[in-house]
C-alpha atoms as a PDB file:
ATOM      1  CA  MET A   1       3.943 -35.733  32.955  1.00  0.00           C
ATOM      2  CA  VAL A   2       0.998 -33.609  31.239  1.00  0.00           C
ATOM      3  CA  VAL A   3       3.845 -30.746  30.817  1.00  0.00           C
ATOM      4  CA  CYS A   4       6.181 -33.340  29.555  1.00  0.00           C
ATOM      5  CA  ARG A   5       3.812 -34.851  27.264  1.00  0.00           C
ATOM      6  CA  SER A   6       2.706 -31.165  25.576  1.00  0.00           C
ATOM      7  CA  LEU A   7       6.542 -30.415  25.117  1.00  0.00           C
ATOM      8  CA  PHE A   8       7.639 -33.730  23.825  1.00  0.00           C
ATOM      9  CA  ILE A   9       4.353 -32.626  20.656  1.00  0.00           C
ATOM     10  CA  SER A  10       5.008 -29.355  20.617  1.00  0.00           C
ATOM     11  CA  THR A  11       8.611 -30.222  19.800  1.00  0.00           C
ATOM     12  CA  LEU A  12       7.507 -32.641  17.003  1.00  0.00           C
ATOM     13  CA  VAL A  13       5.433 -30.112  15.400  1.00  0.00           C
ATOM     14  CA  TYR A  14       8.106 -27.532  15.287  1.00  0.00           C
ATOM     15  CA  ALA A  15      10.525 -30.027  13.856  1.00  0.00           C
ATOM     16  CA  PHE A  16       7.611 -31.283  11.117  1.00  0.00           C
ATOM     17  CA  LEU A  17       7.321 -27.452  10.171  1.00  0.00           C
ATOM     18  CA  MET A  18      11.316 -26.969  10.077  1.00  0.00           C
ATOM     19  CA  THR A  19      11.197 -29.947   8.216  1.00  0.00           C
ATOM     20  CA  CYS A  20       8.834 -28.931   5.653  1.00  0.00           C
ATOM     21  CA  HIS A  21       9.160 -25.562   5.318  1.00  0.00           C
ATOM     22  CA  SER A  22       9.828 -25.264   1.635  1.00  0.00           C
ATOM     23  CA  LYS A  23       6.043 -26.601   1.283  1.00  0.00           C
ATOM     24  CA  ILE A  24       3.733 -23.499   3.465  1.00  0.00           C
ATOM     25  CA  PRO A  25       3.713 -20.566   1.771  1.00  0.00           C
ATOM     26  CA  THR A  26       6.102 -17.650   3.310  1.00  0.00           C
ATOM     27  CA  THR A  27       4.096 -15.152   5.389  1.00  0.00           C
ATOM     28  CA  GLY A  28       3.050 -12.239   3.367  1.00  0.00           C
ATOM     29  CA  CYS A  29       2.205 -14.510   0.153  1.00  0.00           C
ATOM     30  CA  ARG A  30      -0.370 -14.447  -1.803  1.00  0.00           C
ATOM     31  CA  PRO A  31      -2.108 -16.796  -4.619  1.00  0.00           C
ATOM     32  CA  LEU A  32      -0.684 -15.516  -7.858  1.00  0.00           C
ATOM     33  CA  ASP A  33      -1.232 -16.533 -11.441  1.00  0.00           C
ATOM     34  CA  VAL A  34       1.410 -15.711 -13.511  1.00  0.00           C
ATOM     35  CA  VAL A  35       1.603 -16.259 -17.752  1.00  0.00           C
ATOM     36  CA  PHE A  36       4.899 -16.035 -19.221  1.00  0.00           C
ATOM     37  CA  LEU A  37       4.805 -13.667 -22.061  1.00  0.00           C
ATOM     38  CA  VAL A  38       8.095 -15.379 -24.242  1.00  0.00           C
ATOM     39  CA  ASP A  39       9.885 -13.274 -27.105  1.00  0.00           C
ATOM     40  CA  SER A  40      10.486 -15.733 -30.105  1.00  0.00           C
ATOM     41  CA  SER A  41      11.230 -13.339 -32.787  1.00  0.00           C
ATOM     42  CA  GLY A  42      14.468 -13.029 -34.725  1.00  0.00           C
ATOM     43  CA  SER A  43      15.887 -10.480 -32.806  1.00  0.00           C
ATOM     44  CA  GLU A  44      16.513 -13.114 -29.966  1.00  0.00           C
ATOM     45  CA  THR A  45      20.052 -15.144 -30.524  1.00  0.00           C
ATOM     46  CA  ASN A  46      19.693 -18.745 -29.940  1.00  0.00           C
ATOM     47  CA  ASP A  47      21.552 -18.423 -26.535  1.00  0.00           C
ATOM     48  CA  SER A  48      19.412 -15.244 -24.877  1.00  0.00           C
ATOM     49  CA  PHE A  49      16.352 -17.261 -26.176  1.00  0.00           C
ATOM     50  CA  ASN A  50      17.341 -20.500 -24.451  1.00  0.00           C
ATOM     51  CA  ALA A  51      18.481 -18.263 -21.740  1.00  0.00           C
ATOM     52  CA  GLN A  52      14.720 -17.512 -21.161  1.00  0.00           C
ATOM     53  CA  ILE A  53      13.922 -21.360 -21.951  1.00  0.00           C
ATOM     54  CA  GLU A  54      15.847 -21.492 -18.463  1.00  0.00           C
ATOM     55  CA  PHE A  55      14.680 -18.866 -16.483  1.00  0.00           C
ATOM     56  CA  MET A  56      11.040 -19.890 -16.496  1.00  0.00           C
ATOM     57  CA  LYS A  57      12.045 -23.447 -15.493  1.00  0.00           C
ATOM     58  CA  GLU A  58      14.072 -21.647 -12.413  1.00  0.00           C
ATOM     59  CA  ILE A  59      10.798 -19.326 -12.065  1.00  0.00           C
ATOM     60  CA  VAL A  60       8.657 -22.624 -12.129  1.00  0.00           C
ATOM     61  CA  ASN A  61      10.724 -24.918  -9.673  1.00  0.00           C
ATOM     62  CA  SER A  62      12.060 -22.053  -7.236  1.00  0.00           C
ATOM     63  CA  SER A  63       7.511 -21.283  -6.596  1.00  0.00           C
ATOM     64  CA  ALA A  64       7.033 -24.647  -4.400  1.00  0.00           C
ATOM     65  CA  SER A  65       9.671 -22.881  -2.079  1.00  0.00           C
ATOM     66  CA  TYR A  66       8.292 -19.710  -1.977  1.00  0.00           C
ATOM     67  CA  ASN A  67       4.402 -19.980  -3.007  1.00  0.00           C
ATOM     68  CA  ASN A  68       2.710 -22.925  -4.051  1.00  0.00           C
ATOM     69  CA  ASN A  69      -0.158 -21.124  -4.860  1.00  0.00           C
ATOM     70  CA  THR A  70       1.022 -20.181  -8.124  1.00  0.00           C
ATOM     71  CA  LYS A  71      -0.123 -21.279 -11.262  1.00  0.00           C
ATOM     72  CA  PHE A  72       1.750 -20.632 -14.468  1.00  0.00           C
ATOM     73  CA  GLY A  73       1.100 -20.071 -18.148  1.00  0.00           C
ATOM     74  CA  ALA A  74       3.349 -19.231 -20.917  1.00  0.00           C
ATOM     75  CA  VAL A  75       2.222 -17.022 -24.471  1.00  0.00           C
ATOM     76  CA  SER A  76       5.448 -16.955 -26.898  1.00  0.00           C
ATOM     77  CA  PHE A  77       5.412 -13.953 -29.781  1.00  0.00           C
ATOM     78  CA  SER A  78       6.899 -13.117 -32.809  1.00  0.00           C
ATOM     79  CA  ASN A  79       4.634 -12.298 -36.242  1.00  0.00           C
ATOM     80  CA  ASP A  80       1.626 -13.108 -34.174  1.00  0.00           C
ATOM     81  CA  ALA A  81       1.225 -14.599 -30.459  1.00  0.00           C
ATOM     82  CA  ARG A  82       1.060 -18.472 -29.777  1.00  0.00           C
ATOM     83  CA  LEU A  83      -0.486 -20.133 -26.804  1.00  0.00           C
ATOM     84  CA  GLU A  84       2.130 -22.498 -25.065  1.00  0.00           C
ATOM     85  CA  PHE A  85       0.218 -23.757 -22.376  1.00  0.00           C
ATOM     86  CA  LYS A  86      -2.862 -22.339 -20.069  1.00  0.00           C
ATOM     87  CA  LEU A  87      -2.775 -21.081 -15.908  1.00  0.00           C
ATOM     88  CA  ASN A  88      -4.936 -24.741 -15.435  1.00  0.00           C
ATOM     89  CA  SER A  89      -2.146 -26.714 -17.178  1.00  0.00           C
ATOM     90  CA  SER A  90      -1.343 -29.806 -14.405  1.00  0.00           C
ATOM     91  CA  GLU A  91       2.614 -29.342 -12.743  1.00  0.00           C
ATOM     92  CA  GLN A  92       4.096 -32.055 -14.014  1.00  0.00           C
ATOM     93  CA  ASP A  93       3.561 -31.061 -17.819  1.00  0.00           C
ATOM     94  CA  ILE A  94       4.911 -27.581 -17.223  1.00  0.00           C
ATOM     95  CA  ILE A  95       8.353 -27.854 -17.031  1.00  0.00           C
ATOM     96  CA  ARG A  96       7.848 -30.461 -20.332  1.00  0.00           C
ATOM     97  CA  ALA A  97       5.829 -27.943 -22.258  1.00  0.00           C
ATOM     98  CA  ILE A  98       8.393 -24.909 -21.306  1.00  0.00           C
ATOM     99  CA  SER A  99      11.008 -27.444 -22.773  1.00  0.00           C
ATOM    100  CA  ASN A 100       8.874 -27.666 -25.841  1.00  0.00           C
ATOM    101  CA  ILE A 101       8.673 -23.370 -26.664  1.00  0.00           C
ATOM    102  CA  SER A 102      10.325 -22.872 -29.998  1.00  0.00           C
ATOM    103  CA  HIS A 103      12.473 -20.209 -31.463  1.00  0.00           C
ATOM    104  CA  ILE A 104      10.126 -18.894 -34.199  1.00  0.00           C
ATOM    105  CA  GLY A 105      12.116 -15.997 -35.816  1.00  0.00           C
ATOM    106  CA  LYS A 106      10.886 -13.436 -37.898  1.00  0.00           C
ATOM    107  CA  PHE A 107       9.307 -10.078 -36.317  1.00  0.00           C
ATOM    108  CA  THR A 108       8.739  -8.994 -33.025  1.00  0.00           C
ATOM    109  CA  HIS A 109       5.280  -7.626 -32.493  1.00  0.00           C
ATOM    110  CA  LEU A 110       5.185  -7.497 -29.070  1.00  0.00           C
ATOM    111  CA  GLU A 111       1.056  -5.791 -28.943  1.00  0.00           C
ATOM    112  CA  GLU A 112      -0.019  -9.374 -30.449  1.00  0.00           C
ATOM    113  CA  GLY A 113       1.416 -10.861 -27.233  1.00  0.00           C
ATOM    114  CA  PHE A 114      -0.521  -8.677 -24.940  1.00  0.00           C
ATOM    115  CA  ASN A 115      -3.528  -8.610 -26.671  1.00  0.00           C
ATOM    116  CA  PHE A 116      -3.318 -12.639 -26.731  1.00  0.00           C
ATOM    117  CA  VAL A 117      -2.991 -12.411 -23.105  1.00  0.00           C
ATOM    118  CA  ILE A 118      -5.932  -9.948 -22.448  1.00  0.00           C
ATOM    119  CA  ASP A 119      -8.530 -12.379 -24.996  1.00  0.00           C
ATOM    120  CA  VAL A 120      -7.358 -15.473 -23.635  1.00  0.00           C
ATOM    121  CA  MET A 121      -4.822 -15.820 -20.176  1.00  0.00           C
ATOM    122  CA  PHE A 122      -6.434 -14.032 -18.008  1.00  0.00           C
ATOM    123  CA  THR A 123     -10.099 -15.051 -18.684  1.00  0.00           C
ATOM    124  CA  LYS A 124     -11.760 -17.983 -16.797  1.00  0.00           C
ATOM    125  CA  ASN A 125     -11.261 -20.076 -19.823  1.00  0.00           C
ATOM    126  CA  GLY A 126      -7.652 -19.677 -19.511  1.00  0.00           C
ATOM    127  CA  GLY A 127      -7.550 -20.801 -16.286  1.00  0.00           C
ATOM    128  CA  ASP A 128      -7.537 -17.319 -14.382  1.00  0.00           C
ATOM    129  CA  ARG A 129      -8.912 -17.870 -11.034  1.00  0.00           C
ATOM    130  CA  PRO A 130     -10.670 -14.872  -9.955  1.00  0.00           C
ATOM    131  CA  HIS A 131      -8.730 -14.508  -5.755  1.00  0.00           C
ATOM    132  CA  ALA A 132      -5.683 -14.987  -7.667  1.00  0.00           C
ATOM    133  CA  ASP A 133      -3.458 -11.643  -8.423  1.00  0.00           C
ATOM    134  CA  ASN A 134      -2.320 -11.619 -12.008  1.00  0.00           C
ATOM    135  CA  VAL A 135       1.673 -11.315 -12.721  1.00  0.00           C
ATOM    136  CA  LEU A 136       2.840 -10.849 -16.572  1.00  0.00           C
ATOM    137  CA  LEU A 137       6.631 -11.634 -16.634  1.00  0.00           C
ATOM    138  CA  VAL A 138       7.935 -10.565 -20.290  1.00  0.00           C
ATOM    139  CA  LEU A 139      10.806 -11.879 -21.917  1.00  0.00           C
ATOM    140  CA  THR A 140      12.195 -10.102 -24.255  1.00  0.00           C
ATOM    141  CA  ASP A 141      15.550  -8.628 -25.648  1.00  0.00           C
ATOM    142  CA  GLY A 142      13.944  -4.876 -25.310  1.00  0.00           C
ATOM    143  CA  ILE A 143      13.724  -4.764 -29.142  1.00  0.00           C
ATOM    144  CA  PHE A 144      10.237  -3.953 -29.969  1.00  0.00           C
ATOM    145  CA  HIS A 145       7.854  -0.948 -31.151  1.00  0.00           C
ATOM    146  CA  PRO A 146       6.979   0.813 -27.927  1.00  0.00           C
ATOM    147  CA  GLU A 147       4.381   2.945 -29.458  1.00  0.00           C
ATOM    148  CA  ASN A 148       2.762  -0.253 -30.924  1.00  0.00           C
ATOM    149  CA  THR A 149       2.201  -1.594 -26.940  1.00  0.00           C
ATOM    150  CA  THR A 150       0.084   1.402 -25.524  1.00  0.00           C
ATOM    151  CA  GLU A 151      -3.167   0.391 -25.803  1.00  0.00           C
ATOM    152  CA  PRO A 152      -3.280  -2.756 -24.307  1.00  0.00           C
ATOM    153  CA  VAL A 153      -0.644  -1.746 -21.518  1.00  0.00           C
ATOM    154  CA  GLU A 154      -3.260   0.483 -20.497  1.00  0.00           C
ATOM    155  CA  GLU A 155      -6.027  -2.595 -20.510  1.00  0.00           C
ATOM    156  CA  LEU A 156      -3.536  -4.694 -18.770  1.00  0.00           C
ATOM    157  CA  LEU A 157      -2.922  -2.409 -16.041  1.00  0.00           C
ATOM    158  CA  GLY A 158      -6.261  -0.894 -15.830  1.00  0.00           C
ATOM    159  CA  LYS A 159      -7.190  -4.635 -15.302  1.00  0.00           C
ATOM    160  CA  GLY A 160      -4.735  -4.737 -12.054  1.00  0.00           C
ATOM    161  CA  VAL A 161      -2.203  -6.958 -14.171  1.00  0.00           C
ATOM    162  CA  GLU A 162       1.506  -6.396 -13.060  1.00  0.00           C
ATOM    163  CA  ILE A 163       3.753  -6.392 -16.026  1.00  0.00           C
ATOM    164  CA  ILE A 164       6.852  -7.172 -15.479  1.00  0.00           C
ATOM    165  CA  PRO A 165      10.015  -6.684 -18.095  1.00  0.00           C
ATOM    166  CA  VAL A 166      12.940  -9.097 -17.662  1.00  0.00           C
ATOM    167  CA  LEU A 167      15.329  -8.182 -20.078  1.00  0.00           C
ATOM    168  CA  PHE A 168      17.786 -11.146 -22.152  1.00  0.00           C
ATOM    169  CA  THR A 169      20.574  -9.259 -23.752  1.00  0.00           C
ATOM    170  CA  ASP A 170      24.466  -8.687 -23.335  1.00  0.00           C
ATOM    171  CA  GLU A 171      24.217  -4.953 -22.515  1.00  0.00           C
ATOM    172  CA  VAL A 172      21.036  -3.288 -21.507  1.00  0.00           C
ATOM    173  CA  THR A 173      21.351   0.156 -23.747  1.00  0.00           C
ATOM    174  CA  ASP A 174      19.162   3.365 -22.966  1.00  0.00           C
ATOM    175  CA  LYS A 175      16.755   2.527 -25.766  1.00  0.00           C
ATOM    176  CA  LEU A 176      16.440  -0.833 -24.472  1.00  0.00           C
ATOM    177  CA  ALA A 177      15.750  -0.072 -20.851  1.00  0.00           C
ATOM    178  CA  SER A 178      13.321   2.522 -21.864  1.00  0.00           C
ATOM    179  CA  ASN A 179      11.248   0.008 -24.047  1.00  0.00           C
ATOM    180  CA  ALA A 180      11.034  -2.294 -21.107  1.00  0.00           C
ATOM    181  CA  ASN A 181      10.116   0.779 -18.975  1.00  0.00           C
ATOM    182  CA  SER A 182       7.389   1.526 -21.477  1.00  0.00           C
ATOM    183  CA  ILE A 183       5.405  -1.186 -20.426  1.00  0.00           C
ATOM    184  CA  THR A 184       5.478  -1.435 -16.782  1.00  0.00           C
ATOM    185  CA  HIS A 185       4.728   0.379 -13.489  1.00  0.00           C
ATOM    186  CA  THR A 186       8.225   1.202 -12.956  1.00  0.00           C
ATOM    187  CA  ASN A 187      11.776   2.587 -14.191  1.00  0.00           C
ATOM    188  CA  THR A 188      13.499  -0.055 -12.934  1.00  0.00           C
ATOM    189  CA  THR A 189      15.016  -2.188 -15.431  1.00  0.00           C
ATOM    190  CA  TYR A 190      15.210  -5.958 -14.748  1.00  0.00           C
ATOM    191  CA  THR A 191      17.630  -8.719 -16.245  1.00  0.00           C
ATOM    192  CA  LYS A 192      17.309 -12.521 -15.647  1.00  0.00           C
ATOM    193  CA  ASP A 193      20.837 -11.888 -13.155  1.00  0.00           C
ATOM    194  CA  THR A 194      18.994  -9.041 -11.359  1.00  0.00           C
ATOM    195  CA  PHE A 195      15.276 -10.212 -10.764  1.00  0.00           C
ATOM    196  CA  ASP A 196      14.532 -11.904  -7.452  1.00  0.00           C
ATOM    197  CA  PRO A 197      11.646 -14.402  -7.906  1.00  0.00           C
ATOM    198  CA  LYS A 198      11.290 -14.442  -3.880  1.00  0.00           C
ATOM    199  CA  GLU A 199       9.931 -10.724  -3.770  1.00  0.00           C
ATOM    200  CA  LEU A 200       7.650 -11.947  -6.796  1.00  0.00           C
ATOM    201  CA  PHE A 201       5.903 -14.770  -4.839  1.00  0.00           C
ATOM    202  CA  CYS A 202       5.789 -13.692  -1.225  1.00  0.00           C
ATOM    203  CA  LYS A 203       5.633  -9.884  -1.285  1.00  0.00           C
ATOM    204  CA  GLY A 204       5.196  -8.342  -4.878  1.00  0.00           C
ATOM    205  CA  VAL A 205       8.437  -6.992  -6.475  1.00  0.00           C
ATOM    206  CA  SER A 206      10.372  -5.281  -3.992  1.00  0.00           C
ATOM    207  CA  MET A 207      10.488  -1.803  -5.988  1.00  0.00           C
ATOM    208  CA  LEU A 208       6.740  -1.905  -5.801  1.00  0.00           C
ATOM    209  CA  PRO A 209       5.613  -0.410  -2.552  1.00  0.00           C
ATOM    210  CA  THR A 210       2.614  -0.915  -1.557  1.00  0.00           C
ATOM    211  CA  ALA A 211      -0.827   1.695  -1.867  1.00  0.00           C
ATOM    212  CA  PRO A 212      -1.300   4.522   0.817  1.00  0.00           C
ATOM    213  CA  PRO A 213      -3.719   3.860   3.629  1.00  0.00           C
ATOM    214  CA  ARG A 214      -7.221   4.815   2.800  1.00  0.00           C
ATOM    215  CA  SER A 215      -7.676   7.247   4.943  1.00  0.00           C
ATOM    216  CA  THR A 216      -4.594   8.998   3.553  1.00  0.00           C
ATOM    217  CA  ILE A 217      -6.238   8.284  -0.335  1.00  0.00           C
ATOM    218  CA  ALA A 218      -9.510  10.000   0.941  1.00  0.00           C
ATOM    219  CA  SER A 219      -7.923  13.208   2.328  1.00  0.00           C
ATOM    220  CA  ALA A 220      -6.252  13.788  -1.430  1.00  0.00           C
ATOM    221  CA  THR A 221      -9.488  14.489  -2.518  1.00  0.00           C
ATOM    222  CA  THR A 222     -10.908  17.654  -2.356  1.00  0.00           C
ATOM    223  CA  ASP A 223     -14.073  17.649  -4.262  1.00  0.00           C
ATOM    224  CA  ARG A 224     -16.292  16.172  -2.582  1.00  0.00           C
ATOM    225  CA  GLY A 225     -19.046  15.462  -5.051  1.00  0.00           C
ATOM    226  CA  CYS A 226     -17.089  13.831  -7.385  1.00  0.00           C
ATOM    227  CA  ARG A 227     -15.904  10.334  -7.014  1.00  0.00           C
ATOM    228  CA  ASP A 228     -13.331   7.836  -8.741  1.00  0.00           C
ATOM    229  CA  ASN A 229     -14.458   4.365 -10.242  1.00  0.00           C
ATOM    230  CA  ILE A 230     -11.697   3.094  -7.916  1.00  0.00           C
ATOM    231  CA  SER A 231     -10.339   4.190  -4.588  1.00  0.00           C
ATOM    232  CA  ILE A 232      -6.750   4.566  -4.519  1.00  0.00           C
ATOM    233  CA  CYS A 233      -5.900   6.473  -7.775  1.00  0.00           C
ATOM    234  CA  PRO A 234      -3.763   8.914  -5.823  1.00  0.00           C
ATOM    235  CA  SER A 235      -1.015   5.963  -5.327  1.00  0.00           C
ATOM    236  CA  TYR A 236      -0.213   6.197  -9.097  1.00  0.00           C
ATOM    237  CA  GLY A 237       0.869   9.834  -9.047  1.00  0.00           C
ATOM    238  CA  ALA A 238       0.168  12.508 -11.387  1.00  0.00           C
ATOM    239  CA  ASP A 239       1.900  11.301 -14.479  1.00  0.00           C
ATOM    240  CA  MET A 240      -0.557   8.515 -14.705  1.00  0.00           C
ATOM    241  CA  CYS A 241      -2.914  10.997 -15.779  1.00  0.00           C
ATOM    242  CA  ILE A 242      -0.694  11.785 -19.290  1.00  0.00           C
ATOM    243  CA  ARG A 243       0.833   8.383 -19.430  1.00  0.00           C
ATOM    244  CA  PHE A 244      -2.221   6.294 -19.382  1.00  0.00           C
ATOM    245  CA  LYS A 245      -5.078   8.782 -20.218  1.00  0.00           C
ATOM    246  CA  SER A 246      -7.611   6.888 -22.033  1.00  0.00           C
ATOM    247  CA  TRP A 247      -7.344   4.447 -18.585  1.00  0.00           C
ATOM    248  CA  ALA A 248      -7.270   7.277 -16.292  1.00  0.00           C
ATOM    249  CA  MET A 249     -10.190   9.377 -17.909  1.00  0.00           C
ATOM    250  CA  VAL A 250     -12.080   6.233 -16.922  1.00  0.00           C
ATOM    251  CA  GLN A 251     -10.743   4.909 -13.519  1.00  0.00           C
ATOM    252  CA  CYS A 252      -9.411   8.374 -11.980  1.00  0.00           C
ATOM    253  CA  ARG A 253     -11.475  11.475 -13.360  1.00  0.00           C
ATOM    254  CA  CYS A 254     -11.739  13.054 -10.513  1.00  0.00           C
ATOM    255  CA  PHE A 255      -7.879  12.988  -9.067  1.00  0.00           C
ATOM    256  CA  CYS A 256      -6.664  13.751 -12.279  1.00  0.00           C
ATOM    257  CA  LYS A 257      -9.336  16.448 -12.492  1.00  0.00           C
ATOM    258  CA  PHE A 258      -9.915  16.448 -15.960  1.00  0.00           C
ATOM    259  CA  ASP A 259     -12.357  18.632 -17.715  1.00  0.00           C
ATOM    260  CA  GLN A 260     -15.838  17.022 -17.725  1.00  0.00           C
ATOM    261  CA  ASP A 261     -16.443  17.590 -21.091  1.00  0.00           C
ATOM    262  CA  SER A 262     -13.117  17.932 -23.130  1.00  0.00           C
ATOM    263  CA  GLY A 263     -11.050  15.153 -20.632  1.00  0.00           C
ATOM    264  CA  ARG A 264      -8.160  18.290 -21.320  1.00  0.00           C
ATOM    265  CA  LEU A 265      -5.636  18.368 -18.324  1.00  0.00           C
ATOM    266  CA  PRO A 266      -5.870  21.349 -15.545  1.00  0.00           C
ATOM    267  CA  LEU A 267      -1.955  23.184 -15.784  1.00  0.00           C
ATOM    268  CA  THR A 268      -1.729  21.801 -11.859  1.00  0.00           C
ATOM    269  CA  ILE A 269      -1.473  18.742 -13.156  1.00  0.00           C
ATOM    270  CA  PRO A 270       3.118  18.673 -14.025  1.00  0.00           C
ATOM    271  CA  THR A 271       4.023  17.163 -17.222  1.00  0.00           C
ATOM    272  CA  TYR A 272       7.284  15.889 -15.938  1.00  0.00           C
ATOM    273  CA  SER A 273       8.313  12.369 -17.570  1.00  0.00           C
ATOM    274  CA  THR A 274       9.641  10.980 -14.238  1.00  0.00           C
ATOM    275  CA  LYS A 275       7.526   7.584 -13.427  1.00  0.00           C
ATOM    276  CA  ILE A 276       6.801   7.794 -10.457  1.00  0.00           C
ATOM    277  CA  TRP A 277       4.503   4.881  -9.799  1.00  0.00           C
ATOM    278  CA  VAL A 278       3.170   2.629  -7.216  1.00  0.00           C
ATOM    279  CA  THR A 279       1.657  -0.873  -7.750  1.00  0.00           C
ATOM    280  CA  ILE A 280      -2.180  -2.383  -6.742  1.00  0.00           C
ATOM    281  CA  THR A 281      -1.595  -5.983  -5.589  1.00  0.00           C
ATOM    282  CA  ASN A 282      -5.676  -6.420  -5.585  1.00  0.00           C
ATOM    283  CA  LYS A 283      -6.612  -7.046  -9.047  1.00  0.00           C
ATOM    284  CA  HIS A 284      -9.948  -6.125  -8.245  1.00  0.00           C
ATOM    285  CA  GLY A 285      -8.615  -2.375  -7.414  1.00  0.00           C
END
């Protein structure tokens, strides 16, 4: 009788879990604070802007199935940046707030959006949770000036923020793909049709592998008297030392072997342009 009762209870528990699986975070999921950075400039067609709105709604709605420990915020940008809703907004208000985002037009100043995210969104007042990983989804047609975004991108990456651009355009040209690649860790360009929200919510973006074991990282540093500010500099690859030099000089000076006086790179660091990035999934480094 005891065995039968235990089996019956186990069966009920299993049935309950299978029925309610969509409300249980998938194994490997982590708390996420996700900010949408939405292109509201004049280069966006009405169709692409409306597609961005629907994309955000789909992402928010799918979060319940993959990771119910996700918070969302949104900022739009054109000539300047505009707060749409903070990360601590109530769940019932988010879909309505997304529907109310306006297509402003005018010029495309993505750097203003990045700076607003730094100053307002990923902060305590913006609703950022210290134990959650930060993800910035940049929704754009890819028409912007990447040379203006270098400094805020370096700062966001230095804070451990994952920047994921998603292009909304009829044709992904080499120029648009290059612009998108300039603001992220990777050389993979996403569109609304190729982005998989499951990979975002559960284990980060699939093409961003995790950092190597700490034992491997430690052996990569040959100068025992030199220590970097963060322990996983080798996981970024040598290209980081060139492309994000000002950040690397502070965080990864030893790995990059910067000259202590001038900050110059040694000849042993390759100067290729191919990105070999690996993501940091813990924003505290």
